[in-house]
């Protein structure tokens, strides 16, 4: 290669690098690249079915009911202005 070709190639490389850097600064360009990656991945189906015993479905269900119960106790204490145990007649 002669020196003119090397200079031209290096100029092209510099222009490509500059355009790449400009693309990196544009948040929309980054989001498009991320979405393209997500579309290319294989999707995994997760079935939420009841299974007897210790399963992720039963653990999630029990956790949700526990959160609802805790929220109910907090609301009872706020509205009745007494402890839940006293409100329930345990103490």
Protein backbone atom coordinates (compact mmCIF):
# COMPACT_ATOMS: atom_id res chain seq x y z
CA UNK A 1 0.00 0.00 0.00
CA UNK A 2 1.15 3.46 -0.63
CA UNK A 3 0.97 6.29 1.88
CA UNK A 4 -2.10 7.92 0.24
CA UNK A 5 -4.15 4.73 0.64
CA UNK A 6 -3.07 4.42 4.27
CA UNK A 7 -4.09 8.02 4.97
CA UNK A 8 -7.47 7.46 3.29
CA UNK A 9 -8.06 4.27 5.26
CA UNK A 10 -7.14 5.97 8.52
CA UNK A 11 -9.48 8.88 7.71
CA UNK A 12 -12.33 6.45 7.05
CA UNK A 13 -11.60 4.66 10.32
CA UNK A 14 -11.60 7.98 12.18
CA UNK A 15 -14.94 8.97 10.62
CA UNK A 16 -16.43 5.59 11.56
CA UNK A 17 -15.21 6.02 15.14
CA UNK A 18 -16.67 9.52 15.34
CA UNK A 19 -20.07 8.36 14.04
CA UNK A 20 -19.98 5.47 16.52
CA UNK A 21 -19.30 7.90 19.38
CA UNK A 22 -22.16 10.15 18.22
CA UNK A 23 -24.48 7.12 18.13
CA UNK A 24 -23.43 6.27 21.68
CA UNK A 25 -24.47 9.76 22.86
CA UNK A 26 -27.98 9.44 21.36
CA UNK A 27 -30.22 7.69 23.97
CA UNK A 28 -32.77 6.67 21.32
CA UNK A 29 -30.08 4.81 19.41
CA UNK A 30 -29.09 2.92 22.56
CA UNK A 31 -32.73 2.00 23.30
CA UNK A 32 -33.22 0.72 19.76
CA UNK A 33 -30.15 -1.48 20.09
CA UNK A 34 -31.40 -2.86 23.41
CA UNK A 35 -34.83 -3.61 21.93
CA UNK A 36 -33.21 -5.35 18.96
CA UNK A 37 -31.33 -7.61 21.37
CA UNK A 38 -34.51 -8.44 23.27
CA UNK A 39 -36.33 -9.45 20.10
CA UNK A 40 -33.56 -11.83 19.13
CA UNK A 41 -33.64 -13.79 22.37
CA UNK A 42 -35.74 -16.91 22.73
CA UNK A 43 -38.72 -16.46 25.01
CA UNK A 44 -39.34 -18.86 27.85
CA UNK A 45 -42.88 -19.63 28.85
CA UNK A 46 -43.50 -19.97 32.55
CA UNK A 47 -46.73 -21.71 33.45
CA UNK A 48 -48.39 -20.74 36.71
CA UNK A 49 -50.10 -23.97 37.61
CA UNK A 50 -50.98 -25.33 41.01
CA UNK A 51 -48.78 -28.21 42.10
CA UNK A 52 -49.14 -30.05 45.36
CA UNK A 53 -46.35 -29.40 47.83
CA UNK A 54 -43.49 -26.92 47.79
CA UNK A 55 -43.57 -25.10 44.47
CA UNK A 56 -42.86 -21.57 43.33
CA UNK A 57 -46.55 -21.02 42.58
CA UNK A 58 -47.64 -21.89 46.13
CA UNK A 59 -44.85 -19.79 47.64
CA UNK A 60 -45.87 -16.75 45.59
CA UNK A 61 -49.53 -17.25 46.50
CA UNK A 62 -48.76 -17.60 50.23
CA UNK A 63 -46.53 -14.52 50.11
CA UNK A 64 -49.29 -12.46 48.52
CA UNK A 65 -51.83 -13.55 51.14
CA UNK A 66 -49.32 -12.72 53.89
CA UNK A 67 -48.87 -9.21 52.48
CA UNK A 68 -52.65 -8.72 52.34
CA UNK A 69 -52.98 -9.91 55.95
CA UNK A 70 -50.20 -7.62 57.17
CA UNK A 71 -51.78 -4.64 55.41
CA UNK A 72 -55.15 -5.51 56.97
CA UNK A 73 -53.62 -5.54 60.47
CA UNK A 74 -51.93 -2.19 59.89
CA UNK A 75 -55.19 -0.65 58.64
CA UNK A 76 -57.16 -2.03 61.60
CA UNK A 77 -54.64 -0.51 64.01
CA UNK A 78 -54.74 2.85 62.22
CA UNK A 79 -58.53 3.12 62.11
CA UNK A 80 -59.32 1.66 65.55
CA UNK A 81 -56.41 3.47 67.28
CA UNK A 82 -55.66 0.40 69.38
CA UNK A 83 -53.45 -2.63 68.95
CA UNK A 84 -54.68 -5.51 66.81
CA UNK A 85 -54.49 -7.95 69.73
CA UNK A 86 -56.67 -5.69 71.87
CA UNK A 87 -59.07 -5.10 68.96
CA UNK A 88 -59.36 -8.86 68.37
CA UNK A 89 -60.02 -9.47 72.11
CA UNK A 90 -56.88 -11.54 72.66
CA UNK A 91 -55.47 -9.16 75.28
